[in-house]
Every structure is written in structure tokens, then in C-alpha cells.
Amino acid sequence: MRAVFEYQTEIVLKNLEMYRQAVGDRIQVIWLSGTDFGTQCSLMQSKEVFEGLYKPYYQKVNDWVHQNTSWKTFYHCCGAP
């Protein structure tokens, strides 16, 4: 799974660079994830699994956005915090 996540992250970073080159600061907010990690009453996995498996990749993408653009980031989650 980590190899897949690494590959997906590299693709995302390349795409973000293309967006930046194409439109620059005309983007104000960028949606980085449609994945939902919660149900209406609970998490879908433990906080430890999220932080160990998913968060490093989200962090890498989020860091790139904030280091290279003025964009804000948006993460979807309609479930429990």
C-alpha cells in the first residue's frame, strides 16, 4: 500500500506543479482529497492507523502547496472528527 501511496503522491505533486504553472495564484483553494475517513458516528479506522498510513502523504502534498503557492487546502470529511 505504501508503494501505491508514494506513487500517487508523486503524481499529485507533478499535477500540482502543472496547475501552478498554468494558472498560478488564480487558484485560491484546492481540494486535495475526496476520501472520507469517518462515518456519521465514528472513525473508519483508528487515529493511529490514519496518522501512520495516510497522514504522511497528505502532509507531503499539503506542505508542497503551502511552500510553493498562496493557495489554501481543503480536505473533505463529512464523518466524525
PDB file of N, CA and C in Angstrom:
ATOM      1  N   MET A   1       0.822  -1.196   0.000  1.00  0.00           N
ATOM      2  CA  MET A   1       0.000   0.000   0.000  1.00  0.00           C
ATOM      3  C   MET A   1       0.865   1.257   0.000  1.00  0.00           C
ATOM      4  N   ARG A   2       1.922   1.227   0.764  1.00  0.00           N
ATOM      5  CA  ARG A   2       2.778   2.414   0.833  1.00  0.00           C
ATOM      6  C   ARG A   2       3.386   2.738  -0.529  1.00  0.00           C
ATOM      7  N   ALA A   3       3.765   1.714  -1.279  1.00  0.00           N
ATOM      8  CA  ALA A   3       4.318   1.954  -2.617  1.00  0.00           C
ATOM      9  C   ALA A   3       3.280   2.618  -3.517  1.00  0.00           C
ATOM     10  N   VAL A   4       2.041   2.176  -3.421  1.00  0.00           N
ATOM     11  CA  VAL A   4       0.958   2.788  -4.198  1.00  0.00           C
ATOM     12  C   VAL A   4       0.752   4.232  -3.750  1.00  0.00           C
ATOM     13  N   PHE A   5       0.724   4.473  -2.446  1.00  0.00           N
ATOM     14  CA  PHE A   5       0.527   5.831  -1.932  1.00  0.00           C
ATOM     15  C   PHE A   5       1.678   6.743  -2.351  1.00  0.00           C
ATOM     16  N   GLU A   6       2.899   6.222  -2.326  1.00  0.00           N
ATOM     17  CA  GLU A   6       4.061   7.010  -2.769  1.00  0.00           C
ATOM     18  C   GLU A   6       3.905   7.406  -4.233  1.00  0.00           C
ATOM     19  N   TYR A   7       3.523   6.443  -5.057  1.00  0.00           N
ATOM     20  CA  TYR A   7       3.346   6.696  -6.483  1.00  0.00           C
ATOM     21  C   TYR A   7       2.234   7.722  -6.720  1.00  0.00           C
ATOM     22  N   GLN A   8       1.116   7.560  -6.032  1.00  0.00           N
ATOM     23  CA  GLN A   8       0.009   8.504  -6.165  1.00  0.00           C
ATOM     24  C   GLN A   8       0.437   9.905  -5.732  1.00  0.00           C
ATOM     25  N   THR A   9       1.206   9.979  -4.676  1.00  0.00           N
ATOM     26  CA  THR A   9       1.665  11.269  -4.169  1.00  0.00           C
ATOM     27  C   THR A   9       2.565  11.955  -5.186  1.00  0.00           C
ATOM     28  N   GLU A  10       3.454  11.214  -5.800  1.00  0.00           N
ATOM     29  CA  GLU A  10       4.327  11.803  -6.818  1.00  0.00           C
ATOM     30  C   GLU A  10       3.519  12.326  -8.003  1.00  0.00           C
ATOM     31  N   ILE A  11       2.495  11.600  -8.402  1.00  0.00           N
ATOM     32  CA  ILE A  11       1.617  12.065  -9.487  1.00  0.00           C
ATOM     33  C   ILE A  11       0.909  13.352  -9.080  1.00  0.00           C
ATOM     34  N   VAL A  12       0.385  13.378  -7.864  1.00  0.00           N
ATOM     35  CA  VAL A  12      -0.300  14.578  -7.368  1.00  0.00           C
ATOM     36  C   VAL A  12       0.645  15.775  -7.382  1.00  0.00           C
ATOM     37  N   LEU A  13       1.871  15.586  -6.913  1.00  0.00           N
ATOM     38  CA  LEU A  13       2.824  16.700  -6.873  1.00  0.00           C
ATOM     39  C   LEU A  13       3.151  17.201  -8.279  1.00  0.00           C
ATOM     40  N   LYS A  14       3.284  16.321  -9.235  1.00  0.00           N
ATOM     41  CA  LYS A  14       3.518  16.726 -10.624  1.00  0.00           C
ATOM     42  C   LYS A  14       2.314  17.491 -11.167  1.00  0.00           C
ATOM     43  N   ASN A  15       1.122  17.006 -10.874  1.00  0.00           N
ATOM     44  CA  ASN A  15      -0.088  17.694 -11.324  1.00  0.00           C
ATOM     45  C   ASN A  15      -0.212  19.076 -10.686  1.00  0.00           C
ATOM     46  N   LEU A  16       0.090  19.177  -9.407  1.00  0.00           N
ATOM     47  CA  LEU A  16       0.024  20.472  -8.741  1.00  0.00           C
ATOM     48  C   LEU A  16       0.991  21.460  -9.367  1.00  0.00           C
ATOM     49  N   GLU A  17       2.183  20.993  -9.718  1.00  0.00           N
ATOM     50  CA  GLU A  17       3.152  21.867 -10.378  1.00  0.00           C
ATOM     51  C   GLU A  17       2.616  22.342 -11.733  1.00  0.00           C
ATOM     52  N   MET A  18       1.972  21.461 -12.468  1.00  0.00           N
ATOM     53  CA  MET A  18       1.380  21.862 -13.752  1.00  0.00           C
ATOM     54  C   MET A  18       0.267  22.883 -13.545  1.00  0.00           C
ATOM     55  N   TYR A  19      -0.562  22.684 -12.505  1.00  0.00           N
ATOM     56  CA  TYR A  19      -1.612  23.661 -12.200  1.00  0.00           C
ATOM     57  C   TYR A  19      -0.980  25.016 -11.890  1.00  0.00           C
ATOM     58  N   ARG A  20       0.057  24.994 -11.054  1.00  0.00           N
ATOM     59  CA  ARG A  20       0.727  26.239 -10.656  1.00  0.00           C
ATOM     60  C   ARG A  20       1.280  26.972 -11.870  1.00  0.00           C
ATOM     61  N   GLN A  21       1.912  26.232 -12.768  1.00  0.00           N
ATOM     62  CA  GLN A  21       2.474  26.852 -13.964  1.00  0.00           C
ATOM     63  C   GLN A  21       1.372  27.393 -14.878  1.00  0.00           C
ATOM     64  N   ALA A  22       0.258  26.686 -14.953  1.00  0.00           N
ATOM     65  CA  ALA A  22      -0.820  27.077 -15.859  1.00  0.00           C
ATOM     66  C   ALA A  22      -1.631  28.266 -15.356  1.00  0.00           C
ATOM     67  N   VAL A  23      -1.931  28.291 -14.064  1.00  0.00           N
ATOM     68  CA  VAL A  23      -2.849  29.322 -13.566  1.00  0.00           C
ATOM     69  C   VAL A  23      -2.322  30.111 -12.380  1.00  0.00           C
ATOM     70  N   GLY A  24      -1.198  29.715 -11.820  1.00  0.00           N
ATOM     71  CA  GLY A  24      -0.598  30.474 -10.725  1.00  0.00           C
ATOM     72  C   GLY A  24      -1.540  30.711  -9.568  1.00  0.00           C
ATOM     73  N   ASP A  25      -1.627  31.974  -9.166  1.00  0.00           N
ATOM     74  CA  ASP A  25      -2.439  32.317  -7.995  1.00  0.00           C
ATOM     75  C   ASP A  25      -3.905  32.558  -8.306  1.00  0.00           C
ATOM     76  N   ARG A  26      -4.345  32.188  -9.496  1.00  0.00           N
ATOM     77  CA  ARG A  26      -5.786  32.273  -9.779  1.00  0.00           C
ATOM     78  C   ARG A  26      -6.541  31.197  -9.008  1.00  0.00           C
ATOM     79  N   ILE A  27      -5.826  30.191  -8.526  1.00  0.00           N
ATOM     80  CA  ILE A  27      -6.423  29.208  -7.611  1.00  0.00           C
ATOM     81  C   ILE A  27      -6.346  29.806  -6.216  1.00  0.00           C
ATOM     82  N   GLN A  28      -7.464  29.802  -5.519  1.00  0.00           N
ATOM     83  CA  GLN A  28      -7.471  30.287  -4.136  1.00  0.00           C
ATOM     84  C   GLN A  28      -7.512  29.131  -3.150  1.00  0.00           C
ATOM     85  N   VAL A  29      -8.312  28.113  -3.475  1.00  0.00           N
ATOM     86  CA  VAL A  29      -8.459  26.943  -2.616  1.00  0.00           C
ATOM     87  C   VAL A  29      -8.411  25.710  -3.506  1.00  0.00           C
ATOM     88  N   ILE A  30      -7.681  24.697  -3.062  1.00  0.00           N
ATOM     89  CA  ILE A  30      -7.599  23.466  -3.842  1.00  0.00           C
ATOM     90  C   ILE A  30      -8.039  22.291  -2.975  1.00  0.00           C
ATOM     91  N   TRP A  31      -8.907  21.472  -3.544  1.00  0.00           N
ATOM     92  CA  TRP A  31      -9.447  20.293  -2.861  1.00  0.00           C
ATOM     93  C   TRP A  31      -8.454  19.163  -3.062  1.00  0.00           C
ATOM     94  N   LEU A  32      -7.913  18.646  -1.978  1.00  0.00           N
ATOM     95  CA  LEU A  32      -6.858  17.645  -2.070  1.00  0.00           C
ATOM     96  C   LEU A  32      -7.306  16.221  -1.802  1.00  0.00           C
ATOM     97  N   SER A  33      -8.496  16.027  -1.290  1.00  0.00           N
ATOM     98  CA  SER A  33      -8.909  14.657  -1.002  1.00  0.00           C
ATOM     99  C   SER A  33     -10.417  14.525  -0.978  1.00  0.00           C
ATOM    100  N   GLY A  34     -10.911  13.533  -1.704  1.00  0.00           N
ATOM    101  CA  GLY A  34     -12.325  13.192  -1.645  1.00  0.00           C
ATOM    102  C   GLY A  34     -12.565  12.001  -0.738  1.00  0.00           C
ATOM    103  N   THR A  35     -11.494  11.515  -0.130  1.00  0.00           N
ATOM    104  CA  THR A  35     -11.593  10.350   0.749  1.00  0.00           C
ATOM    105  C   THR A  35     -12.226  10.757   2.070  1.00  0.00           C
ATOM    106  N   ASP A  36     -13.158   9.982   2.533  1.00  0.00           N
ATOM    107  CA  ASP A  36     -13.808  10.240   3.807  1.00  0.00           C
ATOM    108  C   ASP A  36     -13.304   9.230   4.824  1.00  0.00           C
ATOM    109  N   PHE A  37     -12.775   9.710   5.919  1.00  0.00           N
ATOM    110  CA  PHE A  37     -12.218   8.825   6.936  1.00  0.00           C
ATOM    111  C   PHE A  37     -13.135   8.628   8.135  1.00  0.00           C
ATOM    112  N   GLY A  38     -14.357   9.121   8.045  1.00  0.00           N
ATOM    113  CA  GLY A  38     -15.276   8.955   9.158  1.00  0.00           C
ATOM    114  C   GLY A  38     -16.673   8.611   8.706  1.00  0.00           C
ATOM    115  N   THR A  39     -17.391   7.922   9.570  1.00  0.00           N
ATOM    116  CA  THR A  39     -18.815   7.695   9.366  1.00  0.00           C
ATOM    117  C   THR A  39     -19.545   8.807  10.116  1.00  0.00           C
ATOM    118  N   GLN A  40     -20.837   8.765  10.159  1.00  0.00           N
ATOM    119  CA  GLN A  40     -21.574   9.803  10.869  1.00  0.00           C
ATOM    120  C   GLN A  40     -21.441   9.689  12.391  1.00  0.00           C
ATOM    121  N   CYS A  41     -20.950   8.542  12.864  1.00  0.00           N
ATOM    122  CA  CYS A  41     -20.856   8.384  14.321  1.00  0.00           C
ATOM    123  C   CYS A  41     -19.493   7.886  14.803  1.00  0.00           C
ATOM    124  N   SER A  42     -18.538   7.698  13.886  1.00  0.00           N
ATOM    125  CA  SER A  42     -17.264   7.139  14.322  1.00  0.00           C
ATOM    126  C   SER A  42     -16.216   7.296  13.218  1.00  0.00           C
ATOM    127  N   LEU A  43     -14.984   7.002  13.562  1.00  0.00           N
ATOM    128  CA  LEU A  43     -13.914   6.929  12.568  1.00  0.00           C
ATOM    129  C   LEU A  43     -13.989   5.588  11.850  1.00  0.00           C
ATOM    130  N   MET A  44     -13.426   5.519  10.636  1.00  0.00           N
ATOM    131  CA  MET A  44     -13.406   4.254   9.894  1.00  0.00           C
ATOM    132  C   MET A  44     -12.195   3.412  10.258  1.00  0.00           C
ATOM    133  N   GLN A  45     -11.195   4.036  10.856  1.00  0.00           N
ATOM    134  CA  GLN A  45     -10.028   3.329  11.370  1.00  0.00           C
ATOM    135  C   GLN A  45      -9.518   4.127  12.561  1.00  0.00           C
ATOM    136  N   SER A  46      -8.584   3.573  13.279  1.00  0.00           N
ATOM    137  CA  SER A  46      -8.083   4.272  14.463  1.00  0.00           C
ATOM    138  C   SER A  46      -7.276   5.504  14.050  1.00  0.00           C
ATOM    139  N   LYS A  47      -7.149   6.413  14.984  1.00  0.00           N
ATOM    140  CA  LYS A  47      -6.340   7.607  14.771  1.00  0.00           C
ATOM    141  C   LYS A  47      -4.890   7.209  14.461  1.00  0.00           C
ATOM    142  N   GLU A  48      -4.413   6.179  15.101  1.00  0.00           N
ATOM    143  CA  GLU A  48      -3.036   5.708  14.893  1.00  0.00           C
ATOM    144  C   GLU A  48      -2.837   5.197  13.459  1.00  0.00           C
ATOM    145  N   VAL A  49      -3.826   4.480  12.924  1.00  0.00           N
ATOM    146  CA  VAL A  49      -3.725   3.996  11.536  1.00  0.00           C
ATOM    147  C   VAL A  49      -3.727   5.184  10.581  1.00  0.00           C
ATOM    148  N   PHE A  50      -4.607   6.144  10.812  1.00  0.00           N
ATOM    149  CA  PHE A  50      -4.621   7.328   9.951  1.00  0.00           C
ATOM    150  C   PHE A  50      -3.276   8.037   9.997  1.00  0.00           C
ATOM    151  N   GLU A  51      -2.772   8.291  11.187  1.00  0.00           N
ATOM    152  CA  GLU A  51      -1.516   9.041  11.322  1.00  0.00           C
ATOM    153  C   GLU A  51      -0.317   8.276  10.779  1.00  0.00           C
ATOM    154  N   GLY A  52      -0.323   6.963  10.869  1.00  0.00           N
ATOM    155  CA  GLY A  52       0.798   6.178  10.389  1.00  0.00           C
ATOM    156  C   GLY A  52       0.750   5.835   8.918  1.00  0.00           C
ATOM    157  N   LEU A  53      -0.449   5.695   8.365  1.00  0.00           N
ATOM    158  CA  LEU A  53      -0.584   5.231   6.987  1.00  0.00           C
ATOM    159  C   LEU A  53      -0.960   6.340   6.006  1.00  0.00           C
ATOM    160  N   TYR A  54      -1.887   7.190   6.353  1.00  0.00           N
ATOM    161  CA  TYR A  54      -2.390   8.187   5.407  1.00  0.00           C
ATOM    162  C   TYR A  54      -1.762   9.566   5.579  1.00  0.00           C
ATOM    163  N   LYS A  55      -1.624  10.007   6.811  1.00  0.00           N
ATOM    164  CA  LYS A  55      -1.198  11.380   7.078  1.00  0.00           C
ATOM    165  C   LYS A  55       0.135  11.762   6.435  1.00  0.00           C
ATOM    166  N   PRO A  56       1.154  10.908   6.416  1.00  0.00           N
ATOM    167  CA  PRO A  56       2.419  11.335   5.798  1.00  0.00           C
ATOM    168  C   PRO A  56       2.268  11.789   4.349  1.00  0.00           C
ATOM    169  N   TYR A  57       1.394  11.172   3.611  1.00  0.00           N
ATOM    170  CA  TYR A  57       1.200  11.519   2.203  1.00  0.00           C
ATOM    171  C   TYR A  57       0.387  12.804   2.070  1.00  0.00           C
ATOM    172  N   TYR A  58      -0.645  12.953   2.880  1.00  0.00           N
ATOM    173  CA  TYR A  58      -1.394  14.200   2.883  1.00  0.00           C
ATOM    174  C   TYR A  58      -0.498  15.351   3.317  1.00  0.00           C
ATOM    175  N   GLN A  59       0.341  15.098   4.295  1.00  0.00           N
ATOM    176  CA  GLN A  59       1.247  16.137   4.792  1.00  0.00           C
ATOM    177  C   GLN A  59       2.226  16.583   3.711  1.00  0.00           C
ATOM    178  N   LYS A  60       2.745  15.628   2.956  1.00  0.00           N
ATOM    179  CA  LYS A  60       3.692  15.952   1.888  1.00  0.00           C
ATOM    180  C   LYS A  60       3.036  16.840   0.835  1.00  0.00           C
ATOM    181  N   VAL A  61       1.818  16.511   0.442  1.00  0.00           N
ATOM    182  CA  VAL A  61       1.096  17.302  -0.556  1.00  0.00           C
ATOM    183  C   VAL A  61       0.745  18.677   0.016  1.00  0.00           C
ATOM    184  N   ASN A  62       0.218  18.700   1.220  1.00  0.00           N
ATOM    185  CA  ASN A  62      -0.152  19.949   1.866  1.00  0.00           C
ATOM    186  C   ASN A  62       1.070  20.862   2.018  1.00  0.00           C
ATOM    187  N   ASP A  63       2.192  20.298   2.437  1.00  0.00           N
ATOM    188  CA  ASP A  63       3.414  21.084   2.583  1.00  0.00           C
ATOM    189  C   ASP A  63       3.849  21.678   1.251  1.00  0.00           C
ATOM    190  N   TRP A  64       3.756  20.886   0.176  1.00  0.00           N
ATOM    191  CA  TRP A  64       4.145  21.399  -1.133  1.00  0.00           C
ATOM    192  C   TRP A  64       3.292  22.602  -1.504  1.00  0.00           C
ATOM    193  N   VAL A  65       1.985  22.483  -1.318  1.00  0.00           N
ATOM    194  CA  VAL A  65       1.084  23.581  -1.668  1.00  0.00           C
ATOM    195  C   VAL A  65       1.474  24.842  -0.912  1.00  0.00           C
ATOM    196  N   HIS A  66       1.697  24.732   0.393  1.00  0.00           N
ATOM    197  CA  HIS A  66       1.980  25.914   1.203  1.00  0.00           C
ATOM    198  C   HIS A  66       3.393  26.452   0.993  1.00  0.00           C
ATOM    199  N   GLN A  67       4.315  25.619   0.570  1.00  0.00           N
ATOM    200  CA  GLN A  67       5.682  26.085   0.308  1.00  0.00           C
ATOM    201  C   GLN A  67       5.824  26.705  -1.079  1.00  0.00           C
ATOM    202  N   ASN A  68       4.943  26.346  -2.006  1.00  0.00           N
ATOM    203  CA  ASN A  68       5.100  26.767  -3.390  1.00  0.00           C
ATOM    204  C   ASN A  68       4.002  27.665  -3.937  1.00  0.00           C
ATOM    205  N   THR A  69       2.943  27.880  -3.174  1.00  0.00           N
ATOM    206  CA  THR A  69       1.827  28.691  -3.660  1.00  0.00           C
ATOM    207  C   THR A  69       1.221  29.482  -2.502  1.00  0.00           C
ATOM    208  N   SER A  70       0.252  30.319  -2.854  1.00  0.00           N
ATOM    209  CA  SER A  70      -0.529  31.031  -1.824  1.00  0.00           C
ATOM    210  C   SER A  70      -1.887  30.366  -1.622  1.00  0.00           C
ATOM    211  N   TRP A  71      -2.083  29.210  -2.245  1.00  0.00           N
ATOM    212  CA  TRP A  71      -3.360  28.510  -2.176  1.00  0.00           C
ATOM    213  C   TRP A  71      -3.656  28.022  -0.761  1.00  0.00           C
ATOM    214  N   LYS A  72      -4.927  27.882  -0.479  1.00  0.00           N
ATOM    215  CA  LYS A  72      -5.402  27.218   0.732  1.00  0.00           C
ATOM    216  C   LYS A  72      -5.760  25.785   0.349  1.00  0.00           C
ATOM    217  N   THR A  73      -5.716  24.883   1.296  1.00  0.00           N
ATOM    218  CA  THR A  73      -6.072  23.485   1.015  1.00  0.00           C
ATOM    219  C   THR A  73      -7.375  23.121   1.707  1.00  0.00           C
ATOM    220  N   PHE A  74      -8.102  22.210   1.084  1.00  0.00           N
ATOM    221  CA  PHE A  74      -9.390  21.766   1.593  1.00  0.00           C
ATOM    222  C   PHE A  74      -9.410  20.251   1.575  1.00  0.00           C
ATOM    223  N   TYR A  75      -9.787  19.658   2.694  1.00  0.00           N
ATOM    224  CA  TYR A  75      -9.946  18.210   2.804  1.00  0.00           C
ATOM    225  C   TYR A  75     -11.390  17.908   3.160  1.00  0.00           C
ATOM    226  N   HIS A  76     -12.004  17.035   2.408  1.00  0.00           N
ATOM    227  CA  HIS A  76     -13.387  16.636   2.654  1.00  0.00           C
ATOM    228  C   HIS A  76     -13.453  15.584   3.757  1.00  0.00           C
ATOM    229  N   CYS A  77     -14.404  15.744   4.640  1.00  0.00           N
ATOM    230  CA  CYS A  77     -14.726  14.689   5.608  1.00  0.00           C
ATOM    231  C   CYS A  77     -16.090  15.019   6.195  1.00  0.00           C
ATOM    232  N   CYS A  78     -17.088  14.245   5.814  1.00  0.00           N
ATOM    233  CA  CYS A  78     -18.429  14.526   6.333  1.00  0.00           C
ATOM    234  C   CYS A  78     -18.747  13.620   7.529  1.00  0.00           C
ATOM    235  N   GLY A  79     -17.758  12.873   7.965  1.00  0.00           N
ATOM    236  CA  GLY A  79     -17.975  11.975   9.087  1.00  0.00           C
ATOM    237  C   GLY A  79     -17.504  12.572  10.394  1.00  0.00           C
ATOM    238  N   ALA A  80     -17.355  11.724  11.377  1.00  0.00           N
ATOM    239  CA  ALA A  80     -16.945  12.141  12.712  1.00  0.00           C
ATOM    240  C   ALA A  80     -15.483  12.600  12.698  1.00  0.00           C
ATOM    241  N   PRO A  81     -15.138  13.585  13.523  1.00  0.00           N
ATOM    242  CA  PRO A  81     -13.747  14.053  13.606  1.00  0.00           C
ATOM    243  C   PRO A  81     -12.878  13.042  14.324  1.00  0.00           C
TER     244      PRO A  81
END
